[in-house]
Amino acid sequence: MEAMPSLEAEDNHGRKSGVALCFPLVIPATILPREIASRLSLLPTVYRMLEEGMIPALKSPGGGKWIISRRRYEEWEATLGRSGGTSAGA
């Protein structure tokens, strides 16, 4: 029988430092404008790009929040700098 994975981690000095991540990381299906801004280093520009339809996204009913598919965004991000890399088509 295999031992259960430890829920504690040690820092560089051998001290216990809380719970270690021992489960697969779940990546959300959507991405937030602030995460895009962090990846591209341009917060006001991201909102302008969303409004202009450059980044593939939908505006939530009532117009309050952006719904951005992580998969579609990452496909778009991978084409930055290439011909046609700024078109959206949510």
N, C-alpha and C. Protein backbone atom coordinates (compact mmCIF):
# COMPACT_ATOMS: atom_id res chain seq x y z
N MET A 1 0.84 -1.18 0.00
CA MET A 1 0.00 0.00 0.00
C MET A 1 0.89 1.25 0.00
N GLU A 2 0.57 2.20 -0.88
CA GLU A 2 1.38 3.42 -0.99
C GLU A 2 1.02 4.41 0.12
N ALA A 3 2.03 5.17 0.54
CA ALA A 3 1.80 6.20 1.56
C ALA A 3 1.04 7.37 0.97
N MET A 4 0.23 8.01 1.78
CA MET A 4 -0.50 9.20 1.35
C MET A 4 0.49 10.35 1.18
N PRO A 5 0.27 11.23 0.18
CA PRO A 5 1.17 12.37 0.02
C PRO A 5 1.10 13.31 1.22
N SER A 6 2.21 13.89 1.55
CA SER A 6 2.27 14.80 2.70
C SER A 6 1.51 16.08 2.41
N LEU A 7 0.83 16.59 3.44
CA LEU A 7 0.14 17.86 3.31
C LEU A 7 0.98 19.00 3.86
N GLU A 8 2.21 18.71 4.26
CA GLU A 8 3.09 19.74 4.77
C GLU A 8 4.28 19.88 3.83
N ALA A 9 4.81 21.07 3.75
CA ALA A 9 6.00 21.33 2.93
C ALA A 9 7.06 21.94 3.82
N GLU A 10 8.29 21.78 3.42
CA GLU A 10 9.39 22.38 4.17
C GLU A 10 10.02 23.49 3.33
N ASP A 11 10.39 24.58 4.00
CA ASP A 11 11.09 25.64 3.29
C ASP A 11 12.56 25.27 3.15
N ASN A 12 13.38 26.18 2.66
CA ASN A 12 14.81 25.91 2.43
C ASN A 12 15.59 25.64 3.72
N HIS A 13 15.00 25.96 4.87
CA HIS A 13 15.68 25.77 6.15
C HIS A 13 15.12 24.58 6.91
N GLY A 14 14.29 23.75 6.27
CA GLY A 14 13.75 22.56 6.90
C GLY A 14 12.55 22.82 7.80
N ARG A 15 12.04 24.04 7.82
CA ARG A 15 10.89 24.37 8.65
C ARG A 15 9.61 24.01 7.91
N LYS A 16 8.62 23.54 8.65
CA LYS A 16 7.31 23.24 8.07
C LYS A 16 6.67 24.56 7.66
N SER A 17 6.08 24.59 6.46
CA SER A 17 5.54 25.86 5.98
C SER A 17 4.11 25.73 5.46
N GLY A 18 3.30 24.96 6.15
CA GLY A 18 1.89 24.91 5.78
C GLY A 18 1.56 23.76 4.85
N VAL A 19 0.50 23.92 4.13
CA VAL A 19 -0.02 22.87 3.26
C VAL A 19 0.63 22.96 1.88
N ALA A 20 1.11 21.84 1.40
CA ALA A 20 1.71 21.80 0.06
C ALA A 20 0.62 21.49 -0.96
N LEU A 21 0.79 22.02 -2.15
CA LEU A 21 -0.15 21.73 -3.24
C LEU A 21 0.13 20.33 -3.74
N CYS A 22 -0.80 19.40 -3.51
CA CYS A 22 -0.56 18.03 -3.92
C CYS A 22 -1.68 17.52 -4.83
N PHE A 23 -2.50 18.42 -5.32
CA PHE A 23 -3.57 18.08 -6.24
C PHE A 23 -3.34 18.81 -7.55
N PRO A 24 -3.86 18.31 -8.65
CA PRO A 24 -3.66 19.01 -9.93
C PRO A 24 -4.24 20.42 -9.88
N LEU A 25 -3.53 21.34 -10.47
CA LEU A 25 -3.98 22.73 -10.55
C LEU A 25 -5.10 22.83 -11.58
N VAL A 26 -6.20 23.44 -11.20
CA VAL A 26 -7.33 23.61 -12.11
C VAL A 26 -7.26 25.03 -12.68
N ILE A 27 -7.17 25.13 -13.99
CA ILE A 27 -7.12 26.43 -14.64
C ILE A 27 -8.53 26.80 -15.07
N PRO A 28 -9.03 27.97 -14.64
CA PRO A 28 -10.39 28.36 -15.00
C PRO A 28 -10.57 28.49 -16.51
N ALA A 29 -11.81 28.30 -16.94
CA ALA A 29 -12.13 28.38 -18.37
C ALA A 29 -12.18 29.82 -18.86
N THR A 30 -12.27 30.77 -17.95
CA THR A 30 -12.30 32.18 -18.34
C THR A 30 -11.08 32.88 -17.77
N ILE A 31 -10.80 34.05 -18.31
CA ILE A 31 -9.67 34.85 -17.87
C ILE A 31 -10.18 36.26 -17.60
N LEU A 32 -9.66 36.92 -16.57
CA LEU A 32 -10.11 38.26 -16.19
C LEU A 32 -9.26 39.32 -16.89
N PRO A 33 -9.87 40.49 -17.15
CA PRO A 33 -9.10 41.58 -17.75
C PRO A 33 -7.83 41.91 -16.99
N ARG A 34 -7.87 41.86 -15.66
CA ARG A 34 -6.66 42.19 -14.88
C ARG A 34 -5.56 41.16 -15.11
N GLU A 35 -5.91 39.88 -15.36
CA GLU A 35 -4.88 38.88 -15.67
C GLU A 35 -4.28 39.14 -17.04
N ILE A 36 -5.13 39.53 -18.00
CA ILE A 36 -4.63 39.90 -19.33
C ILE A 36 -3.70 41.09 -19.21
N ALA A 37 -4.12 42.09 -18.44
CA ALA A 37 -3.31 43.29 -18.25
C ALA A 37 -1.96 42.94 -17.64
N SER A 38 -1.96 42.01 -16.71
CA SER A 38 -0.71 41.59 -16.09
C SER A 38 0.19 40.89 -17.11
N ARG A 39 -0.41 40.05 -17.95
CA ARG A 39 0.37 39.33 -18.95
C ARG A 39 0.92 40.27 -20.01
N LEU A 40 0.14 41.30 -20.36
CA LEU A 40 0.56 42.24 -21.40
C LEU A 40 1.14 43.53 -20.85
N SER A 41 1.05 43.73 -19.54
CA SER A 41 1.52 44.95 -18.86
C SER A 41 0.83 46.21 -19.34
N LEU A 42 -0.47 46.17 -19.56
CA LEU A 42 -1.23 47.34 -20.02
C LEU A 42 -2.68 47.34 -19.57
N LEU A 43 -3.01 47.79 -18.38
CA LEU A 43 -4.40 47.73 -17.91
C LEU A 43 -5.38 48.61 -18.68
N PRO A 44 -5.19 49.94 -18.79
CA PRO A 44 -6.19 50.74 -19.52
C PRO A 44 -6.34 50.29 -20.97
N THR A 45 -5.25 49.87 -21.56
CA THR A 45 -5.27 49.44 -22.96
C THR A 45 -6.11 48.18 -23.12
N VAL A 46 -6.07 47.27 -22.15
CA VAL A 46 -6.85 46.04 -22.25
C VAL A 46 -8.33 46.36 -22.34
N TYR A 47 -8.83 47.25 -21.50
CA TYR A 47 -10.25 47.61 -21.56
C TYR A 47 -10.60 48.26 -22.90
N ARG A 48 -9.71 49.10 -23.41
CA ARG A 48 -9.96 49.70 -24.73
C ARG A 48 -9.99 48.62 -25.80
N MET A 49 -9.05 47.68 -25.73
CA MET A 49 -9.01 46.59 -26.71
C MET A 49 -10.26 45.71 -26.62
N LEU A 50 -10.79 45.51 -25.41
CA LEU A 50 -12.03 44.76 -25.25
C LEU A 50 -13.19 45.52 -25.88
N GLU A 51 -13.29 46.82 -25.58
CA GLU A 51 -14.37 47.65 -26.14
C GLU A 51 -14.32 47.69 -27.66
N GLU A 52 -13.12 47.72 -28.23
CA GLU A 52 -12.96 47.80 -29.68
C GLU A 52 -13.06 46.44 -30.37
N GLY A 53 -13.21 45.36 -29.58
CA GLY A 53 -13.35 44.03 -30.15
C GLY A 53 -12.04 43.40 -30.59
N MET A 54 -10.93 43.96 -30.17
CA MET A 54 -9.63 43.39 -30.57
C MET A 54 -9.36 42.08 -29.83
N ILE A 55 -9.73 42.02 -28.55
CA ILE A 55 -9.58 40.81 -27.75
C ILE A 55 -10.91 40.06 -27.81
N PRO A 56 -10.89 38.75 -28.10
CA PRO A 56 -12.14 38.00 -28.20
C PRO A 56 -12.84 37.89 -26.85
N ALA A 57 -14.03 38.48 -26.74
CA ALA A 57 -14.76 38.50 -25.47
C ALA A 57 -16.22 38.85 -25.71
N LEU A 58 -17.01 38.60 -24.70
CA LEU A 58 -18.43 39.00 -24.69
C LEU A 58 -18.67 39.85 -23.47
N LYS A 59 -19.56 40.81 -23.58
CA LYS A 59 -19.94 41.62 -22.43
C LYS A 59 -21.12 40.93 -21.77
N SER A 60 -21.10 40.80 -20.44
CA SER A 60 -22.17 40.13 -19.72
C SER A 60 -23.48 40.90 -19.88
N PRO A 61 -24.62 40.22 -19.72
CA PRO A 61 -25.90 40.91 -19.78
C PRO A 61 -25.92 42.06 -18.77
N GLY A 62 -26.36 43.19 -19.20
CA GLY A 62 -26.33 44.38 -18.36
C GLY A 62 -25.05 45.17 -18.53
N GLY A 63 -24.09 44.60 -19.26
CA GLY A 63 -22.86 45.32 -19.58
C GLY A 63 -21.89 45.52 -18.45
N GLY A 64 -22.01 44.77 -17.36
CA GLY A 64 -21.15 45.00 -16.21
C GLY A 64 -19.78 44.37 -16.28
N LYS A 65 -19.69 43.14 -16.77
CA LYS A 65 -18.42 42.42 -16.75
C LYS A 65 -18.11 41.83 -18.11
N TRP A 66 -16.85 41.59 -18.34
CA TRP A 66 -16.40 40.93 -19.56
C TRP A 66 -16.31 39.44 -19.33
N ILE A 67 -16.76 38.64 -20.29
CA ILE A 67 -16.62 37.19 -20.26
C ILE A 67 -15.61 36.85 -21.35
N ILE A 68 -14.47 36.35 -20.92
CA ILE A 68 -13.36 36.11 -21.84
C ILE A 68 -12.96 34.64 -21.74
N SER A 69 -13.12 33.90 -22.81
CA SER A 69 -12.72 32.50 -22.83
C SER A 69 -11.21 32.43 -22.78
N ARG A 70 -10.69 31.69 -21.79
CA ARG A 70 -9.24 31.55 -21.66
C ARG A 70 -8.64 30.93 -22.92
N ARG A 71 -9.29 29.88 -23.45
CA ARG A 71 -8.78 29.22 -24.65
C ARG A 71 -8.73 30.18 -25.83
N ARG A 72 -9.84 30.91 -26.06
CA ARG A 72 -9.87 31.86 -27.17
C ARG A 72 -8.84 32.98 -26.97
N TYR A 73 -8.71 33.47 -25.72
CA TYR A 73 -7.74 34.53 -25.46
C TYR A 73 -6.33 34.03 -25.72
N GLU A 74 -6.00 32.83 -25.22
CA GLU A 74 -4.64 32.32 -25.40
C GLU A 74 -4.34 32.05 -26.87
N GLU A 75 -5.34 31.64 -27.64
CA GLU A 75 -5.15 31.51 -29.09
C GLU A 75 -4.85 32.87 -29.70
N TRP A 76 -5.61 33.88 -29.28
CA TRP A 76 -5.40 35.25 -29.77
C TRP A 76 -4.00 35.74 -29.36
N GLU A 77 -3.65 35.54 -28.09
CA GLU A 77 -2.36 36.01 -27.58
C GLU A 77 -1.20 35.37 -28.35
N ALA A 78 -1.35 34.10 -28.72
CA ALA A 78 -0.30 33.40 -29.46
C ALA A 78 -0.07 33.99 -30.84
N THR A 79 -1.06 34.73 -31.37
CA THR A 79 -0.91 35.30 -32.71
C THR A 79 -0.48 36.77 -32.67
N LEU A 80 -0.25 37.34 -31.49
CA LEU A 80 0.18 38.75 -31.42
C LEU A 80 1.42 38.96 -32.25
N GLY A 81 1.42 40.02 -33.01
CA GLY A 81 2.56 40.33 -33.85
C GLY A 81 2.51 39.68 -35.21
N ARG A 82 1.55 38.81 -35.43
CA ARG A 82 1.38 38.19 -36.74
C ARG A 82 0.27 38.88 -37.50
N SER A 83 0.26 38.76 -38.77
CA SER A 83 -0.79 39.36 -39.59
C SER A 83 -2.13 38.79 -39.16
N GLY A 84 -3.09 39.69 -38.88
CA GLY A 84 -4.43 39.26 -38.47
C GLY A 84 -4.53 38.89 -37.01
N GLY A 85 -3.48 39.13 -36.22
CA GLY A 85 -3.47 38.73 -34.83
C GLY A 85 -4.29 39.60 -33.90
N THR A 86 -4.89 40.67 -34.40
CA THR A 86 -5.67 41.54 -33.53
C THR A 86 -7.16 41.42 -33.77
N SER A 87 -7.61 40.52 -34.62
CA SER A 87 -9.05 40.39 -34.82
C SER A 87 -9.63 39.51 -33.74
N ALA A 88 -10.88 39.74 -33.41
CA ALA A 88 -11.49 39.05 -32.28
C ALA A 88 -12.38 37.91 -32.72
N GLY A 89 -13.65 38.22 -32.91
CA GLY A 89 -14.63 37.20 -33.26
C GLY A 89 -14.98 36.30 -32.11
N ALA A 90 -15.61 36.90 -31.07
CA ALA A 90 -15.99 36.14 -29.88
C ALA A 90 -16.97 35.10 -30.30
